[in-house]
Amino acid sequence: MTETAIELVGVTKRFGSLTAVDDLSLQVELGEIFGLLGPNGSGKTTIINMISGLSRQVPAVSRCWASIC
């Protein structure tokens, strides 16, 4: 059985009227390597900031394994 390291379910982030991330769901297993790809302005940095706790998101399910976050 694998252990979930990072899990986001239905996460949305807005800056005023701009929706930077809309209804994102992501699951990364412990030991798994993942990357975020996308053009400029697609929300990559915003997603990392939400995972690390530097930015708040609209209430949703968000879990991060204690020793990596």
C-alpha atoms as a PDB file:
ATOM      1  CA  MET A   1       0.000   0.000   0.000  1.00  0.00           C
ATOM      2  CA  THR A   2       1.353   3.415  -0.934  1.00  0.00           C
ATOM      3  CA  GLU A   3       1.321   6.428   1.356  1.00  0.00           C
ATOM      4  CA  THR A   4       0.094   9.790   0.104  1.00  0.00           C
ATOM      5  CA  ALA A   5       2.643  12.593   0.535  1.00  0.00           C
ATOM      6  CA  ILE A   6       0.630  15.458  -0.972  1.00  0.00           C
ATOM      7  CA  GLU A   7      -3.073  15.584  -1.719  1.00  0.00           C
ATOM      8  CA  LEU A   8      -5.155  18.462  -3.023  1.00  0.00           C
ATOM      9  CA  VAL A   9      -8.836  18.024  -3.869  1.00  0.00           C
ATOM     10  CA  GLY A  10     -10.925  20.731  -5.504  1.00  0.00           C
ATOM     11  CA  VAL A  11      -8.486  23.568  -4.771  1.00  0.00           C
ATOM     12  CA  THR A  12      -9.172  27.030  -6.218  1.00  0.00           C
ATOM     13  CA  LYS A  13      -7.094  30.210  -5.884  1.00  0.00           C
ATOM     14  CA  ARG A  14      -8.245  33.658  -6.965  1.00  0.00           C
ATOM     15  CA  PHE A  15      -6.480  37.005  -7.029  1.00  0.00           C
ATOM     16  CA  GLY A  16      -9.348  39.485  -7.160  1.00  0.00           C
ATOM     17  CA  SER A  17     -11.338  38.626 -10.283  1.00  0.00           C
ATOM     18  CA  LEU A  18      -8.511  36.480 -11.759  1.00  0.00           C
ATOM     19  CA  THR A  19      -8.800  32.735 -11.152  1.00  0.00           C
ATOM     20  CA  ALA A  20      -5.215  31.427 -11.068  1.00  0.00           C
ATOM     21  CA  VAL A  21      -6.060  27.810 -10.152  1.00  0.00           C
ATOM     22  CA  ASP A  22      -9.525  26.340 -10.652  1.00  0.00           C
ATOM     23  CA  ASP A  23     -10.727  23.090  -9.046  1.00  0.00           C
ATOM     24  CA  LEU A  24      -7.288  21.419  -8.929  1.00  0.00           C
ATOM     25  CA  SER A  25      -6.999  17.852  -7.676  1.00  0.00           C
ATOM     26  CA  LEU A  26      -3.535  16.335  -7.243  1.00  0.00           C
ATOM     27  CA  GLN A  27      -2.175  13.285  -5.433  1.00  0.00           C
ATOM     28  CA  VAL A  28       1.530  12.516  -5.044  1.00  0.00           C
ATOM     29  CA  GLU A  29       2.638   9.319  -3.339  1.00  0.00           C
ATOM     30  CA  LEU A  30       5.556   9.208  -0.893  1.00  0.00           C
ATOM     31  CA  GLY A  31       8.802   8.700  -2.855  1.00  0.00           C
ATOM     32  CA  GLU A  32       7.209   9.728  -6.154  1.00  0.00           C
ATOM     33  CA  ILE A  33       8.776  12.473  -8.272  1.00  0.00           C
ATOM     34  CA  PHE A  34       6.425  14.886 -10.018  1.00  0.00           C
ATOM     35  CA  GLY A  35       6.703  18.076 -12.026  1.00  0.00           C
ATOM     36  CA  LEU A  36       4.433  20.931 -12.998  1.00  0.00           C
ATOM     37  CA  LEU A  37       4.531  21.999 -16.630  1.00  0.00           C
ATOM     38  CA  GLY A  38       2.687  24.855 -18.259  1.00  0.00           C
ATOM     39  CA  PRO A  39       3.059  28.205 -19.981  1.00  0.00           C
ATOM     40  CA  ASN A  40       3.734  31.493 -18.200  1.00  0.00           C
ATOM     41  CA  GLY A  41       0.821  32.535 -16.020  1.00  0.00           C
ATOM     42  CA  SER A  42      -0.717  29.059 -15.806  1.00  0.00           C
ATOM     43  CA  GLY A  43      -0.552  28.810 -11.988  1.00  0.00           C
ATOM     44  CA  LYS A  44       2.558  26.666 -11.387  1.00  0.00           C
ATOM     45  CA  THR A  45       4.079  28.941  -8.739  1.00  0.00           C
ATOM     46  CA  THR A  46       0.675  29.467  -7.139  1.00  0.00           C
ATOM     47  CA  ILE A  47       0.238  25.684  -6.783  1.00  0.00           C
ATOM     48  CA  ILE A  48       3.667  25.289  -5.143  1.00  0.00           C
ATOM     49  CA  ASN A  49       2.899  28.205  -2.816  1.00  0.00           C
ATOM     50  CA  MET A  50      -0.388  26.573  -1.783  1.00  0.00           C
ATOM     51  CA  ILE A  51       1.298  23.209  -1.129  1.00  0.00           C
ATOM     52  CA  SER A  52       4.018  24.859   0.968  1.00  0.00           C
ATOM     53  CA  GLY A  53       1.511  26.953   2.916  1.00  0.00           C
ATOM     54  CA  LEU A  54       2.763  30.304   1.608  1.00  0.00           C
ATOM     55  CA  SER A  55      -0.611  31.002   0.013  1.00  0.00           C
ATOM     56  CA  ARG A  56      -4.145  30.163   1.153  1.00  0.00           C
ATOM     57  CA  GLN A  57      -6.681  28.559  -1.140  1.00  0.00           C
ATOM     58  CA  VAL A  58     -10.453  28.397  -1.211  1.00  0.00           C
ATOM     59  CA  PRO A  59     -11.433  25.764   1.401  1.00  0.00           C
ATOM     60  CA  ALA A  60     -10.866  22.288   0.033  1.00  0.00           C
ATOM     61  CA  VAL A  61      -9.128  19.098   1.077  1.00  0.00           C
ATOM     62  CA  SER A  62      -5.401  19.690   1.413  1.00  0.00           C
ATOM     63  CA  ARG A  63      -2.930  17.298   3.058  1.00  0.00           C
ATOM     64  CA  CYS A  64       0.834  17.263   3.156  1.00  0.00           C
ATOM     65  CA  TRP A  65       3.002  14.641   4.865  1.00  0.00           C
ATOM     66  CA  ALA A  66       4.661  16.374   7.846  1.00  0.00           C
ATOM     67  CA  SER A  67       8.317  15.664   7.056  1.00  0.00           C
ATOM     68  CA  ILE A  68       8.181  17.112   3.523  1.00  0.00           C
ATOM     69  CA  CYS A  69       6.102  20.269   4.088  1.00  0.00           C
END
